Amino acid sequence: MLPPSCFPFHRTLPFGTINRRSVTCTSHESRCYDRLRMIQDFELLAGKIAELARLLGSLRSENQQLRAQLANASAELESMRLRVDEASRRLDGLIERLPSGPQATGVPWNT
């Protein structure tokens, strides 16, 4: 037979049946759960849940900031790529307009 629990409803009895022995606990019963300790545990759990909620809010806020930074960095990267492409086209145009070498003009390059 199972030792009695401190809960008001024994598992061995029909649901909803209150056993007087299960309501009153003695100090030698290891399964007895003190009400004060249970309240303290609930308060500790409530504190942990509150901390978790605070951290969740903080992470959501940080995530939004990081998404905004990523969008700005992506836009800046695209802008820089366009500038590099434009500079490359301009350099290609300048290179094509340069004479091909000293033989093209007939004049030495250092005079």
C-alpha atoms as a PDB file:
ATOM      1  CA  MET A   1       0.000   0.000   0.000  1.00  0.00           C
ATOM      2  CA  LEU A   2       1.216   3.511  -0.835  1.00  0.00           C
ATOM      3  CA  PRO A   3       2.084   5.830   2.044  1.00  0.00           C
ATOM      4  CA  PRO A   4      -0.451   8.612   2.534  1.00  0.00           C
ATOM      5  CA  SER A   5       0.229  11.892   0.771  1.00  0.00           C
ATOM      6  CA  CYS A   6      -0.237  15.412   2.087  1.00  0.00           C
ATOM      7  CA  PHE A   7      -2.659  16.262  -0.675  1.00  0.00           C
ATOM      8  CA  PRO A   8      -6.346  16.338   0.276  1.00  0.00           C
ATOM      9  CA  PHE A   9      -7.234  13.747  -2.345  1.00  0.00           C
ATOM     10  CA  HIS A  10      -5.770  10.278  -2.118  1.00  0.00           C
ATOM     11  CA  ARG A  11      -5.089   8.572  -5.378  1.00  0.00           C
ATOM     12  CA  THR A  12      -6.333   5.305  -3.970  1.00  0.00           C
ATOM     13  CA  LEU A  13      -9.752   6.780  -3.170  1.00  0.00           C
ATOM     14  CA  PRO A  14     -12.417   7.864  -5.666  1.00  0.00           C
ATOM     15  CA  PHE A  15     -11.863  11.307  -7.166  1.00  0.00           C
ATOM     16  CA  GLY A  16     -13.053  14.068  -4.882  1.00  0.00           C
ATOM     17  CA  THR A  17     -12.943  12.002  -1.678  1.00  0.00           C
ATOM     18  CA  ILE A  18     -11.139  13.775   1.156  1.00  0.00           C
ATOM     19  CA  ASN A  19      -9.220  11.671   3.618  1.00  0.00           C
ATOM     20  CA  ARG A  20      -8.633  13.228   7.054  1.00  0.00           C
ATOM     21  CA  ARG A  21      -5.195  11.646   7.336  1.00  0.00           C
ATOM     22  CA  SER A  22      -4.115  13.125   4.008  1.00  0.00           C
ATOM     23  CA  VAL A  23      -5.072  16.633   5.136  1.00  0.00           C
ATOM     24  CA  THR A  24      -3.113  16.506   8.399  1.00  0.00           C
ATOM     25  CA  CYS A  25       0.580  15.791   7.966  1.00  0.00           C
ATOM     26  CA  THR A  26       3.092  14.800  10.563  1.00  0.00           C
ATOM     27  CA  SER A  27       6.700  15.884  10.527  1.00  0.00           C
ATOM     28  CA  HIS A  28       8.007  12.355   9.935  1.00  0.00           C
ATOM     29  CA  GLU A  29       6.220  11.988   6.595  1.00  0.00           C
ATOM     30  CA  SER A  30       8.745  12.724   3.875  1.00  0.00           C
ATOM     31  CA  ARG A  31       6.102  13.393   1.236  1.00  0.00           C
ATOM     32  CA  CYS A  32       4.454  16.119   3.295  1.00  0.00           C
ATOM     33  CA  TYR A  33       4.723  19.472   1.571  1.00  0.00           C
ATOM     34  CA  ASP A  34       4.529  22.419   3.925  1.00  0.00           C
ATOM     35  CA  ARG A  35       2.126  25.170   2.827  1.00  0.00           C
ATOM     36  CA  LEU A  36       4.650  27.899   3.620  1.00  0.00           C
ATOM     37  CA  ARG A  37       7.286  26.127   1.554  1.00  0.00           C
ATOM     38  CA  MET A  38       4.810  25.658  -1.277  1.00  0.00           C
ATOM     39  CA  ILE A  39       3.960  29.380  -1.225  1.00  0.00           C
ATOM     40  CA  GLN A  40       7.670  30.215  -1.236  1.00  0.00           C
ATOM     41  CA  ASP A  41       8.182  27.880  -4.187  1.00  0.00           C
ATOM     42  CA  PHE A  42       5.281  29.509  -6.036  1.00  0.00           C
ATOM     43  CA  GLU A  43       6.737  32.958  -5.329  1.00  0.00           C
ATOM     44  CA  LEU A  44      10.119  31.802  -6.570  1.00  0.00           C
ATOM     45  CA  LEU A  45       8.499  30.382  -9.692  1.00  0.00           C
ATOM     46  CA  ALA A  46       6.530  33.602 -10.199  1.00  0.00           C
ATOM     47  CA  GLY A  47       9.774  35.579  -9.913  1.00  0.00           C
ATOM     48  CA  LYS A  48      11.458  33.348 -12.470  1.00  0.00           C
ATOM     49  CA  ILE A  49       8.506  33.709 -14.839  1.00  0.00           C
ATOM     50  CA  ALA A  50       8.597  37.502 -14.415  1.00  0.00           C
ATOM     51  CA  GLU A  51      12.339  37.490 -15.149  1.00  0.00           C
ATOM     52  CA  LEU A  52      11.746  35.309 -18.197  1.00  0.00           C
ATOM     53  CA  ALA A  53       9.047  37.709 -19.424  1.00  0.00           C
ATOM     54  CA  ARG A  54      11.401  40.672 -18.896  1.00  0.00           C
ATOM     55  CA  LEU A  55      14.180  38.920 -20.809  1.00  0.00           C
ATOM     56  CA  LEU A  56      11.762  38.018 -23.593  1.00  0.00           C
ATOM     57  CA  GLY A  57      10.733  41.660 -23.946  1.00  0.00           C
ATOM     58  CA  SER A  58      14.370  42.720 -23.959  1.00  0.00           C
ATOM     59  CA  LEU A  59      15.252  40.160 -26.626  1.00  0.00           C
ATOM     60  CA  ARG A  60      12.301  41.223 -28.777  1.00  0.00           C
ATOM     61  CA  SER A  61      13.400  44.844 -28.560  1.00  0.00           C
ATOM     62  CA  GLU A  62      16.992  43.928 -29.398  1.00  0.00           C
ATOM     63  CA  ASN A  63      15.780  41.779 -32.294  1.00  0.00           C
ATOM     64  CA  GLN A  64      13.816  44.718 -33.732  1.00  0.00           C
ATOM     65  CA  GLN A  65      16.871  46.967 -33.429  1.00  0.00           C
ATOM     66  CA  LEU A  66      19.079  44.375 -35.132  1.00  0.00           C
ATOM     67  CA  ARG A  67      16.567  43.968 -37.967  1.00  0.00           C
ATOM     68  CA  ALA A  68      16.565  47.734 -38.494  1.00  0.00           C
ATOM     69  CA  GLN A  69      20.385  47.805 -38.457  1.00  0.00           C
ATOM     70  CA  LEU A  70      20.464  44.951 -40.958  1.00  0.00           C
ATOM     71  CA  ALA A  71      18.065  46.775 -43.278  1.00  0.00           C
ATOM     72  CA  ASN A  72      20.205  49.943 -43.078  1.00  0.00           C
ATOM     73  CA  ALA A  73      23.423  47.986 -43.661  1.00  0.00           C
ATOM     74  CA  SER A  74      21.878  46.176 -46.645  1.00  0.00           C
ATOM     75  CA  ALA A  75      20.751  49.474 -48.178  1.00  0.00           C
ATOM     76  CA  GLU A  76      24.208  50.968 -47.604  1.00  0.00           C
ATOM     77  CA  LEU A  77      25.855  47.909 -49.159  1.00  0.00           C
ATOM     78  CA  GLU A  78      23.644  48.176 -52.257  1.00  0.00           C
ATOM     79  CA  SER A  79      24.455  51.892 -52.532  1.00  0.00           C
ATOM     80  CA  MET A  80      28.196  51.157 -52.317  1.00  0.00           C
ATOM     81  CA  ARG A  81      27.914  48.421 -54.937  1.00  0.00           C
ATOM     82  CA  LEU A  82      26.245  50.862 -57.308  1.00  0.00           C
ATOM     83  CA  ARG A  83      28.996  53.429 -56.653  1.00  0.00           C
ATOM     84  CA  VAL A  84      31.707  50.814 -57.306  1.00  0.00           C
ATOM     85  CA  ASP A  85      29.983  49.771 -60.556  1.00  0.00           C
ATOM     86  CA  GLU A  86      29.754  53.393 -61.673  1.00  0.00           C
ATOM     87  CA  ALA A  87      33.420  54.016 -60.796  1.00  0.00           C
ATOM     88  CA  SER A  88      34.426  50.892 -62.720  1.00  0.00           C
ATOM     89  CA  ARG A  89      32.524  52.079 -65.794  1.00  0.00           C
ATOM     90  CA  ARG A  90      34.151  55.502 -65.590  1.00  0.00           C
ATOM     91  CA  LEU A  91      37.625  53.969 -65.240  1.00  0.00           C
ATOM     92  CA  ASP A  92      36.972  51.667 -68.190  1.00  0.00           C
ATOM     93  CA  GLY A  93      35.964  54.728 -70.247  1.00  0.00           C
ATOM     94  CA  LEU A  94      39.116  56.594 -69.241  1.00  0.00           C
ATOM     95  CA  ILE A  95      41.329  53.598 -70.031  1.00  0.00           C
ATOM     96  CA  GLU A  96      39.792  53.323 -73.504  1.00  0.00           C
ATOM     97  CA  ARG A  97      40.514  57.005 -74.199  1.00  0.00           C
ATOM     98  CA  LEU A  98      44.173  56.702 -73.186  1.00  0.00           C
ATOM     99  CA  PRO A  99      46.646  56.159 -75.960  1.00  0.00           C
ATOM    100  CA  SER A 100      47.794  52.579 -76.227  1.00  0.00           C
ATOM    101  CA  GLY A 101      51.450  53.420 -75.564  1.00  0.00           C
ATOM    102  CA  PRO A 102      54.485  55.479 -76.738  1.00  0.00           C
ATOM    103  CA  GLN A 103      54.227  54.010 -80.235  1.00  0.00           C
ATOM    104  CA  ALA A 104      50.735  55.475 -80.752  1.00  0.00           C
ATOM    105  CA  THR A 105      51.822  59.113 -80.488  1.00  0.00           C
ATOM    106  CA  GLY A 106      55.391  58.824 -81.644  1.00  0.00           C
ATOM    107  CA  VAL A 107      56.525  60.984 -78.733  1.00  0.00           C
ATOM    108  CA  PRO A 108      58.476  59.498 -75.833  1.00  0.00           C
ATOM    109  CA  TRP A 109      56.352  59.244 -72.733  1.00  0.00           C
ATOM    110  CA  ASN A 110      58.786  61.145 -70.487  1.00  0.00           C
ATOM    111  CA  THR A 111      59.210  64.364 -72.450  1.00  0.00           C
END
